[in-house]
Amino acid sequence: MKITARTPDQIGNALRRVRKAKGMTQKDVSARTNLRVATISSLENGDPGTQMRTVLSVLAALDLEFVVQDRVQESQLSIEDIFS
């Protein structure tokens, strides 16, 4: 599964979707990371103050990787381009 996230809200939403897709609860992630459920919830809700080590711990608990890559520019198609 490949998800692009650029903001704290997008990161939180992506982690929530992956967690649920794996059939895990916030309590399951908490047990794997030794983080409080409230911390997992805060991360999933897009708290911009979340520490990087917290994000990395949750990524590891969900068996995910953190990848840095060049930003892909979205296509700037206009409505006219679509129908020509």
Protein backbone atom coordinates (compact mmCIF):
# COMPACT_ATOMS: atom_id res chain seq x y z
CA MET A 1 0.00 0.00 0.00
CA LYS A 2 1.42 3.39 -0.97
CA ILE A 3 0.04 6.52 0.68
CA THR A 4 1.40 10.02 0.23
CA ALA A 5 1.05 12.31 3.25
CA ARG A 6 2.34 15.87 3.50
CA THR A 7 0.62 17.29 6.57
CA PRO A 8 0.10 16.11 10.16
CA ASP A 9 -3.59 15.54 9.39
CA GLN A 10 -2.76 13.42 6.34
CA ILE A 11 -0.17 11.41 8.30
CA GLY A 12 -2.68 10.78 11.08
CA ASN A 13 -5.40 9.74 8.65
CA ALA A 14 -3.01 7.43 6.80
CA LEU A 15 -1.88 5.73 10.00
CA ARG A 16 -5.48 5.30 11.15
CA ARG A 17 -6.49 3.75 7.81
CA VAL A 18 -3.56 1.33 7.86
CA ARG A 19 -4.16 0.41 11.50
CA LYS A 20 -7.82 -0.36 10.81
CA ALA A 21 -6.99 -2.24 7.60
CA LYS A 22 -4.71 -4.47 9.68
CA GLY A 23 -7.54 -5.07 12.15
CA MET A 24 -5.70 -3.35 14.98
CA THR A 25 -7.05 -1.07 17.69
CA GLN A 26 -5.28 1.91 19.19
CA LYS A 27 -4.83 -0.28 22.27
CA ASP A 28 -2.99 -2.87 20.13
CA VAL A 29 -0.64 -0.18 18.81
CA SER A 30 -0.18 1.14 22.33
CA ALA A 31 0.87 -2.30 23.55
CA ARG A 32 3.41 -2.66 20.72
CA THR A 33 4.92 0.80 21.25
CA ASN A 34 4.60 1.35 25.01
CA LEU A 35 2.84 4.64 24.17
CA ARG A 36 -0.40 5.73 25.78
CA VAL A 37 -3.62 5.24 23.79
CA ALA A 38 -4.12 9.01 24.12
CA THR A 39 -0.80 9.55 22.32
CA ILE A 40 -1.83 7.24 19.47
CA SER A 41 -5.15 9.07 19.25
CA SER A 42 -3.44 12.46 19.19
CA LEU A 43 -1.16 11.33 16.35
CA GLU A 44 -4.09 9.96 14.35
CA ASN A 45 -5.95 13.23 14.87
CA GLY A 46 -3.11 15.18 13.25
CA ASP A 47 -1.50 16.81 16.27
CA PRO A 48 1.38 18.83 14.75
CA GLY A 49 3.28 18.62 18.05
CA THR A 50 3.76 14.86 17.85
CA GLN A 51 7.39 13.89 18.30
CA MET A 52 9.21 12.17 15.46
CA ARG A 53 10.13 9.21 17.69
CA THR A 54 6.41 8.68 18.33
CA VAL A 55 5.66 8.61 14.60
CA LEU A 56 8.55 6.21 13.99
CA SER A 57 7.40 3.91 16.81
CA VAL A 58 3.89 3.73 15.39
CA LEU A 59 5.24 3.12 11.88
CA ALA A 60 7.28 0.20 13.22
CA ALA A 61 4.28 -1.19 15.13
CA LEU A 62 2.27 -1.13 11.90
CA ASP A 63 5.16 -2.66 9.92
CA LEU A 64 5.52 0.48 7.77
CA GLU A 65 8.51 2.43 6.46
CA PHE A 66 9.21 6.15 6.38
CA VAL A 67 10.35 7.07 2.86
CA VAL A 68 11.63 10.46 1.74
CA GLN A 69 11.28 11.23 -1.95
CA ASP A 70 11.01 14.17 -4.29
CA ARG A 71 7.55 15.72 -4.35
CA VAL A 72 5.57 14.70 -7.39
CA GLN A 73 3.83 17.58 -9.09
CA GLU A 74 0.19 16.89 -9.80
CA SER A 75 -0.95 17.23 -13.36
CA GLN A 76 -2.42 20.61 -14.17
CA LEU A 77 -5.05 19.39 -16.64
CA SER A 78 -7.85 21.76 -17.40
CA ILE A 79 -11.39 20.68 -18.22
CA GLU A 80 -10.66 21.46 -21.87
CA ASP A 81 -7.69 19.05 -21.88
CA ILE A 82 -9.85 16.22 -20.57
CA PHE A 83 -12.40 16.49 -23.37
CA SER A 84 -10.05 17.20 -26.31
